[in-house]
Amino acid sequence: MLTIVLSACTSGQSSLDASPSAIAQDASAECPRVAVRGPDGATPNLIGTWIGIGERGATPWPGTYEFNLLNSCLAWVGRSAEEGEAVGARWTNVFLGKVNPDLTISGDWAVVSSEACEASIAFALCNARGTLILRIDWPDPADTSRVRLVLQEDTKIGLGGGIGDFVTGIWVRPGDEALFEVPVD
């Protein structure tokens, strides 16, 4: 996964043609370190497995997301996690963005496979993509070890008729599913 982050964050030079040290140097320039601090001054750990679900009141659309971070560049691979089905059976998406000092994460997402795409039911789903802005949120300022991500803005690109909207609205760590129920400011 780190290779995806490095090659996606670099500009102008192909990661296939560059040495590892050149890629790392480019990535450091494209993904500068950023200071993101919670209410108690602690830095949130964004790396690892997260789970996501549709926005409050929306139809559940559960998924697992593997987050990787290089300085300020954040990448994920998200896969459907419907009960009784293989992980990724319905959809897989990717995201590449930047963690910002204002406690937001902004970047681009794209569907890389979906049940509808593979069945040739809806070609537009094969090309679903857009931009996201997420907010790093501490629902309980007294317990900053529990953090969630909340969708702030979703912009689809080049698709019409409502197809391609990003469905997940809240992400939490496994074990913190109760945070799905805490109201979002």
N, C-alpha and C. Protein backbone atom coordinates (compact mmCIF):
# COMPACT_ATOMS: atom_id res chain seq x y z
N MET A 1 0.81 -1.20 0.00
CA MET A 1 0.00 0.00 0.00
C MET A 1 0.85 1.25 0.00
N LEU A 2 1.98 1.23 0.66
CA LEU A 2 2.83 2.40 0.71
C LEU A 2 3.25 2.81 -0.68
N THR A 3 3.48 1.86 -1.58
CA THR A 3 3.86 2.18 -2.95
C THR A 3 2.78 3.02 -3.62
N ILE A 4 1.51 2.69 -3.37
CA ILE A 4 0.42 3.48 -3.95
C ILE A 4 0.48 4.91 -3.46
N VAL A 5 0.69 5.09 -2.17
CA VAL A 5 0.77 6.44 -1.61
C VAL A 5 1.94 7.20 -2.21
N LEU A 6 3.10 6.57 -2.26
CA LEU A 6 4.29 7.25 -2.78
C LEU A 6 4.12 7.63 -4.24
N SER A 7 3.67 6.69 -5.06
CA SER A 7 3.58 7.00 -6.48
C SER A 7 2.44 7.96 -6.77
N ALA A 8 1.38 7.93 -5.97
CA ALA A 8 0.27 8.84 -6.21
C ALA A 8 0.59 10.26 -5.74
N CYS A 9 1.44 10.40 -4.75
CA CYS A 9 1.76 11.73 -4.23
C CYS A 9 2.88 12.40 -4.98
N THR A 10 3.66 11.65 -5.73
CA THR A 10 4.75 12.26 -6.47
C THR A 10 4.22 12.87 -7.74
N SER A 11 4.91 13.86 -8.23
CA SER A 11 4.46 14.49 -9.47
C SER A 11 5.63 14.60 -10.43
N GLY A 12 5.33 14.41 -11.71
CA GLY A 12 6.31 14.64 -12.75
C GLY A 12 7.24 13.46 -13.02
N GLN A 13 7.52 12.63 -12.08
CA GLN A 13 8.47 11.54 -12.27
C GLN A 13 7.77 10.22 -12.04
N SER A 14 7.91 9.31 -12.99
CA SER A 14 7.31 7.99 -12.85
C SER A 14 8.01 7.22 -11.75
N SER A 15 7.21 6.59 -10.89
CA SER A 15 7.79 5.80 -9.81
C SER A 15 8.52 4.58 -10.36
N LEU A 16 8.21 4.16 -11.60
CA LEU A 16 8.88 3.01 -12.19
C LEU A 16 10.30 3.37 -12.62
N ASP A 17 10.53 4.64 -12.96
CA ASP A 17 11.83 5.09 -13.44
C ASP A 17 12.71 5.65 -12.33
N ALA A 18 12.17 5.89 -11.18
CA ALA A 18 12.91 6.56 -10.12
C ALA A 18 13.47 5.56 -9.11
N SER A 19 14.56 5.96 -8.48
CA SER A 19 15.13 5.15 -7.41
C SER A 19 14.27 5.31 -6.16
N PRO A 20 14.33 4.35 -5.23
CA PRO A 20 13.54 4.50 -4.00
C PRO A 20 13.85 5.79 -3.24
N SER A 21 15.12 6.21 -3.22
CA SER A 21 15.45 7.44 -2.50
C SER A 21 14.87 8.66 -3.21
N ALA A 22 14.82 8.65 -4.53
CA ALA A 22 14.23 9.77 -5.27
C ALA A 22 12.73 9.83 -5.03
N ILE A 23 12.09 8.67 -4.99
CA ILE A 23 10.65 8.63 -4.73
C ILE A 23 10.36 9.17 -3.33
N ALA A 24 11.14 8.72 -2.36
CA ALA A 24 10.95 9.19 -0.98
C ALA A 24 11.17 10.69 -0.88
N GLN A 25 12.16 11.22 -1.58
CA GLN A 25 12.42 12.67 -1.54
C GLN A 25 11.25 13.43 -2.18
N ASP A 26 10.75 12.96 -3.33
CA ASP A 26 9.60 13.59 -3.97
C ASP A 26 8.38 13.53 -3.06
N ALA A 27 8.16 12.37 -2.43
CA ALA A 27 7.00 12.20 -1.56
C ALA A 27 7.07 13.16 -0.38
N SER A 28 8.26 13.37 0.16
CA SER A 28 8.40 14.31 1.27
C SER A 28 8.03 15.71 0.85
N ALA A 29 8.35 16.08 -0.39
CA ALA A 29 8.01 17.42 -0.89
C ALA A 29 6.51 17.52 -1.16
N GLU A 30 5.91 16.47 -1.72
CA GLU A 30 4.49 16.48 -2.06
C GLU A 30 3.59 16.24 -0.85
N CYS A 31 4.14 15.56 0.15
CA CYS A 31 3.37 15.19 1.34
C CYS A 31 4.08 15.73 2.59
N PRO A 32 4.12 17.03 2.76
CA PRO A 32 4.84 17.57 3.92
C PRO A 32 4.19 17.11 5.22
N ARG A 33 4.98 17.08 6.27
CA ARG A 33 4.43 16.75 7.59
C ARG A 33 3.43 17.83 7.97
N VAL A 34 2.39 17.42 8.67
CA VAL A 34 1.36 18.36 9.10
C VAL A 34 1.05 18.07 10.57
N ALA A 35 0.86 19.12 11.33
CA ALA A 35 0.54 18.96 12.75
C ALA A 35 -0.97 18.97 12.92
N VAL A 36 -1.52 17.82 13.27
CA VAL A 36 -2.95 17.69 13.53
C VAL A 36 -3.07 17.27 14.99
N ARG A 37 -3.74 18.08 15.76
CA ARG A 37 -3.85 17.83 17.20
C ARG A 37 -5.30 17.82 17.62
N GLY A 38 -5.60 16.89 18.54
CA GLY A 38 -6.94 16.78 19.11
C GLY A 38 -7.13 17.76 20.24
N PRO A 39 -8.28 17.68 20.91
CA PRO A 39 -8.60 18.60 22.00
C PRO A 39 -7.56 18.60 23.13
N ASP A 40 -6.90 17.47 23.36
CA ASP A 40 -5.91 17.41 24.44
C ASP A 40 -4.49 17.55 23.90
N GLY A 41 -4.35 17.90 22.62
CA GLY A 41 -3.03 18.05 22.01
C GLY A 41 -2.47 16.78 21.42
N ALA A 42 -3.17 15.66 21.58
CA ALA A 42 -2.70 14.38 21.05
C ALA A 42 -2.91 14.31 19.54
N THR A 43 -2.03 13.57 18.88
CA THR A 43 -2.13 13.37 17.44
C THR A 43 -2.97 12.12 17.18
N PRO A 44 -4.02 12.23 16.33
CA PRO A 44 -4.82 11.03 16.05
C PRO A 44 -4.05 10.04 15.18
N ASN A 45 -4.23 8.76 15.44
CA ASN A 45 -3.63 7.71 14.62
C ASN A 45 -4.63 7.34 13.53
N LEU A 46 -4.30 7.66 12.30
CA LEU A 46 -5.21 7.39 11.19
C LEU A 46 -4.87 6.11 10.45
N ILE A 47 -3.73 5.50 10.73
CA ILE A 47 -3.26 4.32 10.01
C ILE A 47 -3.99 3.07 10.51
N GLY A 48 -4.32 2.18 9.59
CA GLY A 48 -4.88 0.89 9.97
C GLY A 48 -6.29 0.69 9.45
N THR A 49 -6.99 -0.23 10.08
CA THR A 49 -8.34 -0.62 9.64
C THR A 49 -9.39 0.28 10.27
N TRP A 50 -10.30 0.75 9.45
CA TRP A 50 -11.47 1.52 9.88
C TRP A 50 -12.69 0.83 9.30
N ILE A 51 -13.85 1.10 9.88
CA ILE A 51 -15.10 0.62 9.31
C ILE A 51 -15.96 1.85 9.02
N GLY A 52 -16.75 1.75 7.98
CA GLY A 52 -17.61 2.86 7.61
C GLY A 52 -19.02 2.41 7.40
N ILE A 53 -19.92 3.36 7.50
CA ILE A 53 -21.34 3.07 7.30
C ILE A 53 -21.99 4.32 6.71
N GLY A 54 -23.16 4.15 6.09
CA GLY A 54 -23.87 5.28 5.50
C GLY A 54 -24.17 6.36 6.52
N GLU A 55 -24.47 7.54 6.02
CA GLU A 55 -24.76 8.67 6.89
C GLU A 55 -25.94 8.37 7.80
N ARG A 56 -26.03 9.10 8.92
CA ARG A 56 -27.13 8.91 9.85
C ARG A 56 -28.46 8.95 9.10
N GLY A 57 -29.29 7.96 9.33
CA GLY A 57 -30.59 7.91 8.69
C GLY A 57 -30.56 7.29 7.31
N ALA A 58 -29.38 7.06 6.76
CA ALA A 58 -29.27 6.48 5.43
C ALA A 58 -29.29 4.95 5.52
N THR A 59 -29.51 4.33 4.40
CA THR A 59 -29.45 2.88 4.35
C THR A 59 -28.03 2.45 4.70
N PRO A 60 -27.86 1.49 5.59
CA PRO A 60 -26.51 1.03 5.91
C PRO A 60 -25.79 0.52 4.67
N TRP A 61 -24.55 0.86 4.54
CA TRP A 61 -23.71 0.45 3.43
C TRP A 61 -22.35 0.15 4.01
N PRO A 62 -22.23 -0.94 4.79
CA PRO A 62 -21.01 -1.17 5.56
C PRO A 62 -19.80 -1.50 4.69
N GLY A 63 -18.65 -1.07 5.18
CA GLY A 63 -17.40 -1.37 4.49
C GLY A 63 -16.23 -1.34 5.44
N THR A 64 -15.13 -1.96 5.01
CA THR A 64 -13.88 -1.86 5.75
C THR A 64 -12.91 -1.06 4.89
N TYR A 65 -12.09 -0.27 5.56
CA TYR A 65 -11.17 0.63 4.88
C TYR A 65 -9.78 0.46 5.50
N GLU A 66 -8.79 0.20 4.67
CA GLU A 66 -7.41 0.10 5.12
C GLU A 66 -6.73 1.42 4.80
N PHE A 67 -6.39 2.18 5.85
CA PHE A 67 -5.78 3.50 5.71
C PHE A 67 -4.26 3.38 5.80
N ASN A 68 -3.57 4.13 4.96
CA ASN A 68 -2.13 4.25 5.01
C ASN A 68 -1.79 5.73 4.94
N LEU A 69 -0.75 6.14 5.63
CA LEU A 69 -0.41 7.56 5.74
C LEU A 69 1.08 7.74 5.55
N LEU A 70 1.45 8.70 4.72
CA LEU A 70 2.83 9.13 4.57
C LEU A 70 2.83 10.64 4.79
N ASN A 71 3.32 11.06 5.94
CA ASN A 71 3.28 12.48 6.32
C ASN A 71 1.85 12.98 6.22
N SER A 72 1.54 13.84 5.23
CA SER A 72 0.18 14.37 5.10
C SER A 72 -0.64 13.67 4.02
N CYS A 73 -0.07 12.72 3.30
CA CYS A 73 -0.81 12.01 2.25
C CYS A 73 -1.47 10.77 2.85
N LEU A 74 -2.77 10.68 2.68
CA LEU A 74 -3.55 9.56 3.19
C LEU A 74 -4.16 8.81 2.02
N ALA A 75 -4.03 7.49 2.03
CA ALA A 75 -4.65 6.64 1.00
C ALA A 75 -5.44 5.55 1.69
N TRP A 76 -6.51 5.12 1.05
CA TRP A 76 -7.23 3.96 1.56
C TRP A 76 -7.69 3.09 0.41
N VAL A 77 -7.95 1.83 0.75
CA VAL A 77 -8.69 0.90 -0.11
C VAL A 77 -9.90 0.51 0.71
N GLY A 78 -11.09 0.80 0.19
CA GLY A 78 -12.34 0.47 0.87
C GLY A 78 -13.02 -0.69 0.17
N ARG A 79 -13.58 -1.61 0.97
CA ARG A 79 -14.26 -2.78 0.41
C ARG A 79 -15.57 -3.00 1.14
N SER A 80 -16.58 -3.44 0.40
CA SER A 80 -17.87 -3.75 1.02
C SER A 80 -17.68 -4.84 2.06
N ALA A 81 -18.54 -4.79 3.08
CA ALA A 81 -18.46 -5.78 4.17
C ALA A 81 -19.87 -6.20 4.57
N GLU A 82 -20.66 -6.64 3.60
CA GLU A 82 -22.01 -7.09 3.87
C GLU A 82 -21.96 -8.43 4.61
N GLU A 83 -22.80 -8.58 5.62
CA GLU A 83 -22.83 -9.82 6.39
C GLU A 83 -23.15 -10.99 5.46
N GLY A 84 -22.38 -12.07 5.60
CA GLY A 84 -22.60 -13.27 4.81
C GLY A 84 -21.95 -13.25 3.44
N GLU A 85 -21.25 -12.17 3.10
CA GLU A 85 -20.58 -12.07 1.80
C GLU A 85 -19.09 -11.88 2.00
N ALA A 86 -18.34 -12.22 0.98
CA ALA A 86 -16.90 -12.00 1.03
C ALA A 86 -16.62 -10.50 1.04
N VAL A 87 -15.57 -10.10 1.76
CA VAL A 87 -15.18 -8.68 1.78
C VAL A 87 -14.88 -8.24 0.36
N GLY A 88 -15.47 -7.13 -0.05
CA GLY A 88 -15.27 -6.59 -1.39
C GLY A 88 -16.17 -7.19 -2.46
N ALA A 89 -17.12 -8.05 -2.07
CA ALA A 89 -17.99 -8.70 -3.06
C ALA A 89 -18.85 -7.69 -3.83
N ARG A 90 -19.30 -6.62 -3.17
CA ARG A 90 -20.19 -5.66 -3.83
C ARG A 90 -19.46 -4.47 -4.43
N TRP A 91 -18.41 -3.98 -3.76
CA TRP A 91 -17.70 -2.82 -4.26
C TRP A 91 -16.31 -2.69 -3.64
N THR A 92 -15.44 -2.01 -4.35
CA THR A 92 -14.12 -1.63 -3.86
C THR A 92 -13.86 -0.22 -4.36
N ASN A 93 -13.37 0.64 -3.46
CA ASN A 93 -13.01 2.00 -3.88
C ASN A 93 -11.66 2.37 -3.32
N VAL A 94 -11.08 3.41 -3.89
CA VAL A 94 -9.79 3.92 -3.42
C VAL A 94 -9.92 5.41 -3.19
N PHE A 95 -9.05 5.94 -2.33
CA PHE A 95 -9.03 7.36 -2.01
C PHE A 95 -7.57 7.78 -1.86
N LEU A 96 -7.27 8.97 -2.32
CA LEU A 96 -5.96 9.58 -2.09
C LEU A 96 -6.19 11.04 -1.76
N GLY A 97 -5.71 11.45 -0.59
CA GLY A 97 -5.93 12.82 -0.18
C GLY A 97 -4.86 13.31 0.76
N LYS A 98 -5.10 14.50 1.29
CA LYS A 98 -4.16 15.12 2.22
C LYS A 98 -4.85 15.45 3.53
N VAL A 99 -4.11 15.23 4.61
CA VAL A 99 -4.56 15.63 5.94
C VAL A 99 -4.17 17.09 6.10
N ASN A 100 -5.12 17.92 6.46
CA ASN A 100 -4.90 19.37 6.57
C ASN A 100 -4.85 19.82 8.02
N PRO A 101 -4.12 20.90 8.30
CA PRO A 101 -4.03 21.40 9.68
C PRO A 101 -5.37 21.78 10.30
N ASP A 102 -6.40 22.04 9.47
CA ASP A 102 -7.71 22.43 9.99
C ASP A 102 -8.58 21.23 10.37
N LEU A 103 -7.95 20.06 10.55
CA LEU A 103 -8.62 18.82 10.95
C LEU A 103 -9.56 18.27 9.88
N THR A 104 -9.24 18.55 8.62
CA THR A 104 -9.97 17.95 7.51
C THR A 104 -9.02 17.09 6.69
N ILE A 105 -9.62 16.21 5.91
CA ILE A 105 -8.89 15.39 4.96
C ILE A 105 -9.60 15.60 3.63
N SER A 106 -8.88 16.03 2.61
CA SER A 106 -9.50 16.30 1.32
C SER A 106 -8.76 15.54 0.23
N GLY A 107 -9.54 14.99 -0.72
CA GLY A 107 -8.91 14.24 -1.80
C GLY A 107 -9.90 13.66 -2.77
N ASP A 108 -9.42 12.72 -3.57
CA ASP A 108 -10.19 12.12 -4.66
C ASP A 108 -10.46 10.65 -4.38
N TRP A 109 -11.65 10.19 -4.78
CA TRP A 109 -12.02 8.79 -4.63
C TRP A 109 -12.47 8.26 -5.98
N ALA A 110 -12.41 6.95 -6.12
CA ALA A 110 -12.90 6.30 -7.34
C ALA A 110 -13.29 4.86 -7.01
N VAL A 111 -14.35 4.40 -7.66
CA VAL A 111 -14.73 2.99 -7.57
C VAL A 111 -13.81 2.22 -8.50
N VAL A 112 -13.22 1.14 -8.01
CA VAL A 112 -12.38 0.32 -8.87
C VAL A 112 -13.04 -0.99 -9.24
N SER A 113 -14.09 -1.38 -8.51
CA SER A 113 -14.93 -2.50 -8.93
C SER A 113 -16.24 -2.42 -8.18
N SER A 114 -17.28 -2.89 -8.82
CA SER A 114 -18.58 -2.96 -8.17
C SER A 114 -19.37 -4.10 -8.78
N GLU A 115 -20.33 -4.59 -8.01
CA GLU A 115 -21.19 -5.67 -8.46
C GLU A 115 -21.90 -5.26 -9.76
N ALA A 116 -22.42 -4.03 -9.80
CA ALA A 116 -23.14 -3.55 -10.99
C ALA A 116 -22.21 -3.44 -12.19
N CYS A 117 -20.98 -3.00 -11.94
CA CYS A 117 -20.01 -2.85 -13.02
C CYS A 117 -19.69 -4.21 -13.64
N GLU A 118 -19.39 -5.17 -12.77
CA GLU A 118 -19.01 -6.49 -13.27
C GLU A 118 -20.16 -7.18 -13.97
N ALA A 119 -21.40 -6.89 -13.60
CA ALA A 119 -22.55 -7.48 -14.25
C ALA A 119 -23.01 -6.65 -15.45
N SER A 120 -22.29 -5.57 -15.74
CA SER A 120 -22.62 -4.65 -16.84
C SER A 120 -24.03 -4.08 -16.71
N ILE A 121 -24.49 -3.92 -15.47
CA ILE A 121 -25.82 -3.37 -15.22
C ILE A 121 -25.81 -1.86 -15.37
N ALA A 122 -24.79 -1.22 -14.86
CA ALA A 122 -24.74 0.24 -14.89
C ALA A 122 -23.30 0.68 -15.15
N PHE A 123 -23.01 1.01 -16.40
CA PHE A 123 -21.65 1.40 -16.76
C PHE A 123 -21.18 2.60 -15.94
N ALA A 124 -22.08 3.50 -15.58
CA ALA A 124 -21.68 4.69 -14.82
C ALA A 124 -21.05 4.32 -13.48
N LEU A 125 -21.49 3.22 -12.86
CA LEU A 125 -20.90 2.81 -11.59
C LEU A 125 -19.45 2.39 -11.76
N CYS A 126 -19.10 1.91 -12.94
CA CYS A 126 -17.71 1.52 -13.20
C CYS A 126 -16.81 2.74 -13.19
N ASN A 127 -17.35 3.90 -13.46
CA ASN A 127 -16.58 5.12 -13.56
C ASN A 127 -16.90 6.11 -12.44
N ALA A 128 -17.55 5.66 -11.39
CA ALA A 128 -17.91 6.56 -10.30
C ALA A 128 -16.64 7.10 -9.65
N ARG A 129 -16.59 8.41 -9.50
CA ARG A 129 -15.43 9.05 -8.88
C ARG A 129 -15.83 10.44 -8.43
N GLY A 130 -14.99 11.04 -7.61
CA GLY A 130 -15.29 12.38 -7.15
C GLY A 130 -14.29 12.85 -6.12
N THR A 131 -14.68 13.86 -5.38
CA THR A 131 -13.84 14.41 -4.32
C THR A 131 -14.56 14.29 -2.99
N LEU A 132 -13.79 14.20 -1.92
CA LEU A 132 -14.34 14.11 -0.58
C LEU A 132 -13.62 15.10 0.33
N ILE A 133 -14.36 15.63 1.29
CA ILE A 133 -13.76 16.33 2.42
C ILE A 133 -14.32 15.67 3.67
N LEU A 134 -13.42 15.15 4.51
CA LEU A 134 -13.78 14.50 5.76
C LEU A 134 -13.28 15.37 6.90
N ARG A 135 -13.97 15.31 8.03
CA ARG A 135 -13.55 16.03 9.23
C ARG A 135 -13.13 15.02 10.28
N ILE A 136 -11.97 15.25 10.89
CA ILE A 136 -11.53 14.44 12.02
C ILE A 136 -12.31 14.94 13.24
N ASP A 137 -13.01 14.02 13.89
CA ASP A 137 -13.96 14.40 14.94
C ASP A 137 -13.71 13.60 16.21
N TRP A 138 -13.70 14.30 17.34
CA TRP A 138 -13.61 13.67 18.65
C TRP A 138 -14.97 13.85 19.32
N PRO A 139 -15.85 12.84 19.28
CA PRO A 139 -17.19 12.99 19.86
C PRO A 139 -17.17 13.28 21.37
N ASP A 140 -16.13 12.80 22.05
CA ASP A 140 -16.02 13.02 23.50
C ASP A 140 -14.65 13.65 23.77
N PRO A 141 -14.59 14.98 23.93
CA PRO A 141 -13.30 15.64 24.15
C PRO A 141 -12.55 15.12 25.37
N ALA A 142 -13.25 14.48 26.29
CA ALA A 142 -12.59 13.92 27.48
C ALA A 142 -11.88 12.60 27.16
N ASP A 143 -12.24 11.95 26.04
CA ASP A 143 -11.62 10.69 25.65
C ASP A 143 -11.13 10.80 24.21
N THR A 144 -9.97 11.41 24.03
CA THR A 144 -9.46 11.66 22.68
C THR A 144 -8.86 10.43 22.02
N SER A 145 -8.89 9.28 22.71
CA SER A 145 -8.44 8.05 22.06
C SER A 145 -9.50 7.55 21.08
N ARG A 146 -10.73 8.04 21.20
CA ARG A 146 -11.82 7.62 20.32
C ARG A 146 -12.10 8.73 19.31
N VAL A 147 -11.69 8.48 18.09
CA VAL A 147 -11.83 9.46 17.02
C VAL A 147 -12.65 8.84 15.89
N ARG A 148 -13.34 9.67 15.16
CA ARG A 148 -14.07 9.20 13.98
C ARG A 148 -13.85 10.21 12.86
N LEU A 149 -14.18 9.80 11.66
CA LEU A 149 -14.14 10.69 10.50
C LEU A 149 -15.57 10.88 10.03
N VAL A 150 -15.91 12.11 9.69
CA VAL A 150 -17.26 12.45 9.29
C VAL A 150 -17.20 13.11 7.91
N LEU A 151 -18.03 12.62 6.98
CA LEU A 151 -18.10 13.21 5.65
C LEU A 151 -18.64 14.62 5.73
N GLN A 152 -17.90 15.59 5.21
CA GLN A 152 -18.34 16.98 5.18
C GLN A 152 -18.88 17.37 3.81
N GLU A 153 -18.22 16.86 2.76
CA GLU A 153 -18.62 17.24 1.41
C GLU A 153 -18.26 16.13 0.44
N ASP A 154 -19.13 15.90 -0.53
CA ASP A 154 -18.95 14.85 -1.53
C ASP A 154 -19.30 15.47 -2.87
N THR A 155 -18.36 15.48 -3.78
CA THR A 155 -18.61 16.01 -5.11
C THR A 155 -18.33 14.91 -6.11
N LYS A 156 -19.33 14.56 -6.89
CA LYS A 156 -19.10 13.56 -7.93
C LYS A 156 -18.62 14.27 -9.20
N ILE A 157 -17.87 13.55 -10.00
CA ILE A 157 -17.30 14.13 -11.20
C ILE A 157 -17.81 13.39 -12.42
N GLY A 158 -18.38 14.10 -13.36
CA GLY A 158 -18.74 13.54 -14.66
C GLY A 158 -19.85 12.52 -14.67
N LEU A 159 -20.68 12.47 -13.65
CA LEU A 159 -21.76 11.50 -13.62
C LEU A 159 -23.08 12.22 -13.38
N GLY A 160 -24.14 11.71 -13.93
CA GLY A 160 -25.44 12.34 -13.74
C GLY A 160 -26.43 11.40 -13.10
N GLY A 161 -27.59 11.89 -12.80
CA GLY A 161 -28.67 11.07 -12.30
C GLY A 161 -28.46 10.49 -10.92
N GLY A 162 -27.59 11.10 -10.13
CA GLY A 162 -27.39 10.61 -8.77
C GLY A 162 -26.46 9.43 -8.65
N ILE A 163 -26.04 8.85 -9.76
CA ILE A 163 -25.13 7.71 -9.70
C ILE A 163 -23.73 8.23 -9.41
N GLY A 164 -23.07 7.58 -8.48
CA GLY A 164 -21.69 7.94 -8.19
C GLY A 164 -21.51 8.70 -6.90
N ASP A 165 -22.60 9.01 -6.18
CA ASP A 165 -22.43 9.66 -4.89
C ASP A 165 -21.70 8.73 -3.94
N PHE A 166 -20.88 9.29 -3.08
CA PHE A 166 -20.17 8.49 -2.09
C PHE A 166 -21.14 8.22 -0.96
N VAL A 167 -21.33 6.97 -0.59
CA VAL A 167 -22.39 6.60 0.34
C VAL A 167 -21.95 6.60 1.81
N THR A 168 -20.70 6.24 2.08
CA THR A 168 -20.25 6.20 3.47
C THR A 168 -20.21 7.62 4.03
N GLY A 169 -20.66 7.77 5.30
CA GLY A 169 -20.69 9.09 5.91
C GLY A 169 -19.92 9.19 7.20
N ILE A 170 -19.66 8.06 7.86
CA ILE A 170 -18.93 8.06 9.12
C ILE A 170 -17.99 6.85 9.15
N TRP A 171 -16.76 7.07 9.60
CA TRP A 171 -15.77 6.02 9.75
C TRP A 171 -15.32 5.98 11.20
N VAL A 172 -15.20 4.76 11.75
CA VAL A 172 -14.69 4.57 13.12
C VAL A 172 -13.75 3.37 13.13
N ARG A 173 -13.03 3.23 14.22
CA ARG A 173 -12.17 2.06 14.42
C ARG A 173 -13.03 0.87 14.86
N PRO A 174 -12.67 -0.35 14.49
CA PRO A 174 -13.39 -1.51 15.02
C PRO A 174 -13.40 -1.46 16.55
N GLY A 175 -14.56 -1.72 17.12
CA GLY A 175 -14.73 -1.63 18.57
C GLY A 175 -15.36 -0.31 19.00
N ASP A 176 -15.34 0.68 18.12
CA ASP A 176 -15.93 1.99 18.43
C ASP A 176 -17.25 2.22 17.67
N GLU A 177 -17.96 1.13 17.32
CA GLU A 177 -19.19 1.26 16.55
C GLU A 177 -20.24 2.11 17.25
N ALA A 178 -20.19 2.25 18.56
CA ALA A 178 -21.14 3.10 19.28
C ALA A 178 -21.03 4.54 18.83
N LEU A 179 -19.87 4.94 18.27
CA LEU A 179 -19.70 6.32 17.80
C LEU A 179 -20.57 6.62 16.57
N PHE A 180 -21.06 5.57 15.90
CA PHE A 180 -22.00 5.79 14.79
C PHE A 180 -23.27 6.47 15.30
N GLU A 181 -23.64 6.19 16.53
CA GLU A 181 -24.90 6.69 17.10
C GLU A 181 -24.77 8.06 17.74
N VAL A 182 -23.55 8.53 18.00
CA VAL A 182 -23.35 9.83 18.63
C VAL A 182 -23.65 10.91 17.60
N PRO A 183 -24.51 11.88 17.94
CA PRO A 183 -24.86 12.93 16.98
C PRO A 183 -23.62 13.67 16.45
N VAL A 184 -23.70 14.05 15.18
CA VAL A 184 -22.64 14.80 14.54
C VAL A 184 -22.99 16.27 14.58
N ASP A 185 -22.04 17.10 15.03
CA ASP A 185 -22.27 18.56 15.07
C ASP A 185 -22.31 19.14 13.68
